[in-house]
């Protein structure tokens, strides 16, 4: 069992920056990949925002060049710069016992999510 504890998020004006972090604990000795997904307002699904796995890093087209995903041991981070109102949503950290996460919609483990609100 892996527990994901998220921190960060909040409200920011357009053009601002926020940092999200996700600390994994528990049975973290199995190789696993990690991702950030977002559920936008009124949406019933979560979209992949950024992924880091054995194939590299992947970004949603709309955040490429503005967001940076990184991982140090069992802590995942998402640095969000140049925020836009369309970045608003609930951000989830997710982990899967696999070398590859890109394109995955179902994960073994999920964080509780943090709200990010960007005003214009």
N, C-alpha and C. Protein backbone atom coordinates (compact mmCIF):
# COMPACT_ATOMS: atom_id res chain seq x y z
N UNK A 1 0.84 -1.20 0.00
CA UNK A 1 0.00 0.00 0.00
C UNK A 1 0.88 1.25 0.00
N UNK A 2 0.54 2.20 -0.83
CA UNK A 2 1.26 3.47 -0.92
C UNK A 2 0.29 4.59 -0.59
N UNK A 3 0.71 5.50 0.26
CA UNK A 3 -0.08 6.67 0.61
C UNK A 3 0.54 7.90 -0.02
N UNK A 4 -0.29 8.71 -0.65
CA UNK A 4 0.18 9.94 -1.30
C UNK A 4 -0.39 11.14 -0.55
N UNK A 5 0.50 11.98 -0.06
CA UNK A 5 0.10 13.17 0.68
C UNK A 5 0.46 14.40 -0.14
N UNK A 6 -0.54 15.17 -0.48
CA UNK A 6 -0.34 16.34 -1.33
C UNK A 6 -0.30 17.62 -0.51
N UNK A 7 0.44 18.61 -1.04
CA UNK A 7 0.47 19.93 -0.45
C UNK A 7 0.64 20.95 -1.57
N UNK A 8 0.38 22.18 -1.25
CA UNK A 8 0.45 23.25 -2.24
C UNK A 8 -0.94 23.60 -2.73
N UNK A 9 -0.98 24.22 -3.87
CA UNK A 9 -2.26 24.65 -4.42
C UNK A 9 -2.68 25.98 -3.82
N UNK A 10 -3.91 26.38 -4.11
CA UNK A 10 -4.43 27.63 -3.62
C UNK A 10 -4.92 28.51 -4.75
N UNK A 11 -5.00 29.79 -4.48
CA UNK A 11 -5.49 30.75 -5.46
C UNK A 11 -4.36 31.67 -5.91
N UNK A 12 -4.38 31.99 -7.19
CA UNK A 12 -3.33 32.83 -7.74
C UNK A 12 -3.92 33.62 -8.90
N UNK A 13 -3.33 34.75 -9.19
CA UNK A 13 -3.78 35.53 -10.34
C UNK A 13 -3.09 35.04 -11.60
N UNK A 14 -3.69 35.36 -12.71
CA UNK A 14 -3.13 34.98 -14.00
C UNK A 14 -1.69 35.50 -14.11
N UNK A 15 -0.81 34.63 -14.57
CA UNK A 15 0.60 34.97 -14.68
C UNK A 15 1.43 34.58 -13.48
N UNK A 16 0.78 34.21 -12.41
CA UNK A 16 1.48 33.85 -11.19
C UNK A 16 2.01 32.42 -11.21
N UNK A 17 2.54 32.01 -10.08
CA UNK A 17 3.15 30.68 -9.97
C UNK A 17 2.65 29.96 -8.72
N UNK A 18 2.59 28.66 -8.81
CA UNK A 18 2.27 27.81 -7.67
C UNK A 18 3.10 26.54 -7.78
N UNK A 19 3.35 25.91 -6.64
CA UNK A 19 4.06 24.64 -6.62
C UNK A 19 3.24 23.61 -5.88
N UNK A 20 3.07 22.46 -6.48
CA UNK A 20 2.39 21.33 -5.85
C UNK A 20 3.43 20.27 -5.50
N UNK A 21 3.26 19.63 -4.38
CA UNK A 21 4.12 18.51 -4.02
C UNK A 21 3.29 17.31 -3.60
N UNK A 22 3.89 16.15 -3.73
CA UNK A 22 3.21 14.90 -3.39
C UNK A 22 4.26 13.95 -2.82
N UNK A 23 4.08 13.60 -1.56
CA UNK A 23 5.02 12.70 -0.89
C UNK A 23 4.42 11.32 -0.78
N UNK A 24 5.15 10.33 -1.28
CA UNK A 24 4.68 8.95 -1.22
C UNK A 24 5.32 8.24 -0.04
N UNK A 25 4.54 7.46 0.66
CA UNK A 25 5.05 6.67 1.77
C UNK A 25 4.39 5.31 1.76
N UNK A 26 5.00 4.37 2.48
CA UNK A 26 4.46 3.02 2.52
C UNK A 26 5.31 2.08 1.70
N UNK A 27 4.70 1.24 0.93
CA UNK A 27 5.43 0.22 0.16
C UNK A 27 6.02 0.83 -1.11
N UNK A 28 6.97 1.72 -0.92
CA UNK A 28 7.51 2.45 -2.05
C UNK A 28 8.71 1.78 -2.68
N UNK A 29 9.01 0.52 -2.24
CA UNK A 29 10.18 -0.13 -2.83
C UNK A 29 9.90 -0.72 -4.20
N UNK A 30 8.63 -0.90 -4.53
CA UNK A 30 8.31 -1.37 -5.87
C UNK A 30 8.47 -0.21 -6.85
N UNK A 31 9.02 -0.46 -8.03
CA UNK A 31 9.14 0.62 -9.00
C UNK A 31 7.77 1.14 -9.42
N UNK A 32 7.59 2.42 -9.39
CA UNK A 32 6.32 2.99 -9.78
C UNK A 32 6.52 4.33 -10.46
N UNK A 33 5.63 4.64 -11.34
CA UNK A 33 5.67 5.92 -12.03
C UNK A 33 4.64 6.85 -11.38
N UNK A 34 4.78 8.15 -11.61
CA UNK A 34 3.91 9.12 -10.97
C UNK A 34 3.47 10.18 -11.96
N UNK A 35 2.30 10.72 -11.70
CA UNK A 35 1.71 11.70 -12.61
C UNK A 35 0.91 12.73 -11.84
N UNK A 36 0.64 13.83 -12.53
CA UNK A 36 -0.33 14.82 -12.07
C UNK A 36 -1.50 14.82 -13.04
N UNK A 37 -2.70 14.76 -12.50
CA UNK A 37 -3.91 14.83 -13.32
C UNK A 37 -4.79 15.94 -12.75
N UNK A 38 -5.65 16.45 -13.60
CA UNK A 38 -6.49 17.59 -13.21
C UNK A 38 -7.94 17.32 -13.58
N UNK A 39 -8.82 17.66 -12.65
CA UNK A 39 -10.26 17.61 -12.94
C UNK A 39 -10.74 19.04 -12.99
N UNK A 40 -11.11 19.48 -14.17
CA UNK A 40 -11.55 20.85 -14.35
C UNK A 40 -12.95 21.09 -13.81
N UNK A 41 -13.35 22.34 -13.65
CA UNK A 41 -14.68 22.67 -13.12
C UNK A 41 -15.78 22.06 -13.98
N UNK A 42 -16.71 21.36 -13.34
CA UNK A 42 -17.83 20.77 -14.05
C UNK A 42 -17.49 19.53 -14.85
N UNK A 43 -16.25 19.10 -14.80
CA UNK A 43 -15.84 17.90 -15.54
C UNK A 43 -15.97 16.66 -14.66
N UNK A 44 -16.25 15.54 -15.29
CA UNK A 44 -16.40 14.31 -14.51
C UNK A 44 -15.24 13.35 -14.75
N UNK A 45 -14.18 13.87 -15.35
CA UNK A 45 -13.02 13.04 -15.58
C UNK A 45 -11.76 13.84 -15.25
N UNK A 46 -10.68 13.12 -15.14
CA UNK A 46 -9.39 13.73 -14.83
C UNK A 46 -8.48 13.63 -16.05
N UNK A 47 -7.89 14.75 -16.41
CA UNK A 47 -7.00 14.80 -17.57
C UNK A 47 -5.55 14.75 -17.12
N UNK A 48 -4.75 14.06 -17.88
CA UNK A 48 -3.32 14.01 -17.61
C UNK A 48 -2.72 15.39 -17.83
N UNK A 49 -1.94 15.86 -16.85
CA UNK A 49 -1.29 17.17 -16.97
C UNK A 49 0.19 16.98 -17.20
N UNK A 50 0.81 16.14 -16.38
CA UNK A 50 2.24 15.89 -16.51
C UNK A 50 2.56 14.52 -15.94
N UNK A 51 3.53 13.88 -16.56
CA UNK A 51 3.92 12.52 -16.18
C UNK A 51 5.43 12.43 -16.13
N UNK A 52 5.93 11.66 -15.18
CA UNK A 52 7.35 11.34 -15.18
C UNK A 52 7.48 9.83 -15.00
N UNK A 53 8.10 9.19 -15.96
CA UNK A 53 8.26 7.74 -15.87
C UNK A 53 9.56 7.34 -16.56
N UNK A 54 9.75 6.04 -16.76
CA UNK A 54 11.02 5.58 -17.31
C UNK A 54 11.24 6.02 -18.75
N UNK A 55 10.19 6.47 -19.40
CA UNK A 55 10.34 6.96 -20.78
C UNK A 55 10.67 8.44 -20.83
N UNK A 56 10.56 9.12 -19.70
CA UNK A 56 10.85 10.54 -19.65
C UNK A 56 9.73 11.34 -19.02
N UNK A 57 9.63 12.59 -19.44
CA UNK A 57 8.57 13.45 -18.93
C UNK A 57 7.62 13.79 -20.07
N UNK A 58 6.36 13.90 -19.74
CA UNK A 58 5.33 14.22 -20.72
C UNK A 58 4.46 15.32 -20.16
N UNK A 59 4.01 16.21 -21.02
CA UNK A 59 3.17 17.33 -20.61
C UNK A 59 1.98 17.47 -21.53
N UNK A 60 0.89 17.85 -20.92
CA UNK A 60 -0.28 18.22 -21.70
C UNK A 60 0.12 19.42 -22.56
N UNK A 61 -0.36 19.48 -23.79
CA UNK A 61 0.06 20.54 -24.71
C UNK A 61 -0.16 21.92 -24.13
N UNK A 62 -1.25 22.11 -23.42
CA UNK A 62 -1.61 23.44 -22.93
C UNK A 62 -0.70 23.92 -21.79
N UNK A 63 0.07 23.02 -21.19
CA UNK A 63 0.93 23.44 -20.08
C UNK A 63 2.41 23.36 -20.44
N UNK A 64 2.71 22.82 -21.61
CA UNK A 64 4.10 22.66 -22.01
C UNK A 64 4.80 24.02 -22.04
N UNK A 65 5.98 24.07 -21.44
CA UNK A 65 6.73 25.32 -21.38
C UNK A 65 6.41 26.17 -20.17
N UNK A 66 5.32 25.83 -19.47
CA UNK A 66 4.94 26.60 -18.28
C UNK A 66 5.04 25.76 -17.01
N UNK A 67 4.75 24.48 -17.13
CA UNK A 67 4.79 23.58 -15.98
C UNK A 67 6.02 22.69 -16.05
N UNK A 68 6.56 22.34 -14.88
CA UNK A 68 7.69 21.43 -14.82
C UNK A 68 7.43 20.38 -13.77
N UNK A 69 7.48 19.12 -14.18
CA UNK A 69 7.32 18.01 -13.24
C UNK A 69 8.70 17.51 -12.86
N UNK A 70 8.85 17.16 -11.60
CA UNK A 70 10.12 16.61 -11.14
C UNK A 70 9.85 15.61 -10.03
N UNK A 71 10.81 14.75 -9.82
CA UNK A 71 10.68 13.73 -8.78
C UNK A 71 12.04 13.52 -8.13
N UNK A 72 12.06 13.58 -6.82
CA UNK A 72 13.25 13.27 -6.05
C UNK A 72 12.86 12.17 -5.09
N UNK A 73 13.39 11.00 -5.36
CA UNK A 73 13.05 9.81 -4.59
C UNK A 73 11.52 9.63 -4.59
N UNK A 74 10.89 9.75 -3.44
CA UNK A 74 9.46 9.50 -3.36
C UNK A 74 8.63 10.77 -3.29
N UNK A 75 9.21 11.89 -3.67
CA UNK A 75 8.47 13.14 -3.67
C UNK A 75 8.35 13.68 -5.09
N UNK A 76 7.11 13.91 -5.48
CA UNK A 76 6.80 14.43 -6.81
C UNK A 76 6.42 15.90 -6.68
N UNK A 77 6.87 16.70 -7.62
CA UNK A 77 6.54 18.13 -7.58
C UNK A 77 6.03 18.58 -8.94
N UNK A 78 5.26 19.65 -8.92
CA UNK A 78 4.81 20.29 -10.15
C UNK A 78 4.97 21.79 -9.96
N UNK A 79 5.91 22.37 -10.66
CA UNK A 79 6.12 23.81 -10.64
C UNK A 79 5.27 24.40 -11.75
N UNK A 80 4.35 25.28 -11.39
CA UNK A 80 3.42 25.86 -12.35
C UNK A 80 3.69 27.35 -12.47
N UNK A 81 4.18 27.77 -13.60
CA UNK A 81 4.47 29.18 -13.87
C UNK A 81 3.54 29.70 -14.96
N UNK A 82 3.43 31.00 -15.06
CA UNK A 82 2.59 31.59 -16.09
C UNK A 82 1.16 31.07 -16.05
N UNK A 83 0.61 30.97 -14.85
CA UNK A 83 -0.72 30.38 -14.69
C UNK A 83 -1.78 31.13 -15.49
N UNK A 84 -2.73 30.36 -15.98
CA UNK A 84 -3.85 30.89 -16.76
C UNK A 84 -5.15 30.43 -16.12
N UNK A 85 -6.23 31.15 -16.31
CA UNK A 85 -7.52 30.72 -15.73
C UNK A 85 -7.90 29.30 -16.12
N UNK A 86 -7.54 28.88 -17.32
CA UNK A 86 -7.89 27.52 -17.75
C UNK A 86 -7.10 26.44 -17.02
N UNK A 87 -6.12 26.83 -16.20
CA UNK A 87 -5.41 25.86 -15.36
C UNK A 87 -6.18 25.53 -14.10
N UNK A 88 -7.27 26.23 -13.87
CA UNK A 88 -8.09 26.01 -12.68
C UNK A 88 -8.62 24.59 -12.65
N UNK A 89 -8.57 23.99 -11.47
CA UNK A 89 -9.10 22.65 -11.30
C UNK A 89 -8.55 22.01 -10.04
N UNK A 90 -8.96 20.78 -9.81
CA UNK A 90 -8.44 20.02 -8.68
C UNK A 90 -7.34 19.12 -9.21
N UNK A 91 -6.17 19.25 -8.64
CA UNK A 91 -5.00 18.52 -9.11
C UNK A 91 -4.75 17.30 -8.22
N UNK A 92 -4.60 16.17 -8.89
CA UNK A 92 -4.38 14.91 -8.20
C UNK A 92 -3.00 14.36 -8.54
N UNK A 93 -2.34 13.90 -7.51
CA UNK A 93 -1.11 13.12 -7.68
C UNK A 93 -1.53 11.66 -7.79
N UNK A 94 -0.90 10.92 -8.67
CA UNK A 94 -1.23 9.52 -8.83
C UNK A 94 0.03 8.70 -9.05
N UNK A 95 -0.01 7.47 -8.59
CA UNK A 95 1.13 6.57 -8.75
C UNK A 95 0.64 5.21 -9.21
N UNK A 96 1.44 4.58 -10.05
CA UNK A 96 1.07 3.25 -10.55
C UNK A 96 2.30 2.35 -10.52
N UNK A 97 2.09 1.10 -10.12
CA UNK A 97 3.19 0.16 -10.03
C UNK A 97 3.53 -0.31 -11.45
N UNK A 98 4.30 0.50 -12.10
CA UNK A 98 4.67 0.25 -13.49
C UNK A 98 5.82 1.20 -13.82
N UNK A 99 6.53 0.89 -14.88
CA UNK A 99 7.57 1.81 -15.33
C UNK A 99 6.98 2.97 -16.14
N UNK A 100 5.77 2.80 -16.63
CA UNK A 100 5.19 3.77 -17.54
C UNK A 100 3.79 4.21 -17.10
N UNK A 101 3.60 5.54 -17.11
CA UNK A 101 2.31 6.10 -16.71
C UNK A 101 1.63 6.87 -17.83
N UNK A 102 2.39 7.32 -18.81
CA UNK A 102 1.85 8.19 -19.84
C UNK A 102 0.65 7.56 -20.53
N UNK A 103 -0.46 8.28 -20.55
CA UNK A 103 -1.67 7.81 -21.21
C UNK A 103 -2.57 6.98 -20.32
N UNK A 104 -2.13 6.72 -19.13
CA UNK A 104 -2.93 5.89 -18.21
C UNK A 104 -4.06 6.72 -17.63
N UNK A 105 -5.21 6.11 -17.45
CA UNK A 105 -6.34 6.78 -16.80
C UNK A 105 -6.66 6.17 -15.45
N UNK A 106 -6.16 4.97 -15.22
CA UNK A 106 -6.41 4.29 -13.95
C UNK A 106 -5.07 4.05 -13.26
N UNK A 107 -5.00 4.39 -12.00
CA UNK A 107 -3.79 4.27 -11.22
C UNK A 107 -4.05 3.44 -9.97
N UNK A 108 -2.99 2.82 -9.48
CA UNK A 108 -3.10 2.06 -8.23
C UNK A 108 -3.40 2.98 -7.05
N UNK A 109 -2.79 4.15 -7.04
CA UNK A 109 -2.88 5.01 -5.87
C UNK A 109 -3.15 6.46 -6.29
N UNK A 110 -3.97 7.12 -5.48
CA UNK A 110 -4.32 8.52 -5.74
C UNK A 110 -4.13 9.35 -4.48
N UNK A 111 -3.70 10.60 -4.68
CA UNK A 111 -3.71 11.55 -3.59
C UNK A 111 -5.12 12.13 -3.46
N UNK A 112 -5.37 12.89 -2.41
CA UNK A 112 -6.72 13.43 -2.17
C UNK A 112 -7.09 14.59 -3.08
N UNK A 113 -6.07 15.17 -3.73
CA UNK A 113 -6.33 16.32 -4.61
C UNK A 113 -6.19 17.63 -3.87
N UNK A 114 -5.73 18.64 -4.60
CA UNK A 114 -5.67 20.01 -4.08
C UNK A 114 -6.27 20.94 -5.12
N UNK A 115 -6.94 21.96 -4.65
CA UNK A 115 -7.59 22.90 -5.55
C UNK A 115 -6.61 23.98 -5.98
N UNK A 116 -6.61 24.26 -7.28
CA UNK A 116 -5.86 25.38 -7.84
C UNK A 116 -6.87 26.26 -8.56
N UNK A 117 -6.91 27.53 -8.16
CA UNK A 117 -7.83 28.48 -8.77
C UNK A 117 -7.03 29.66 -9.30
N UNK A 118 -7.18 29.93 -10.58
CA UNK A 118 -6.45 31.04 -11.22
C UNK A 118 -7.47 32.05 -11.71
N UNK A 119 -7.33 33.27 -11.24
CA UNK A 119 -8.25 34.32 -11.63
C UNK A 119 -7.59 35.24 -12.66
N UNK A 120 -8.42 35.78 -13.51
CA UNK A 120 -7.90 36.66 -14.58
C UNK A 120 -7.73 38.09 -14.11
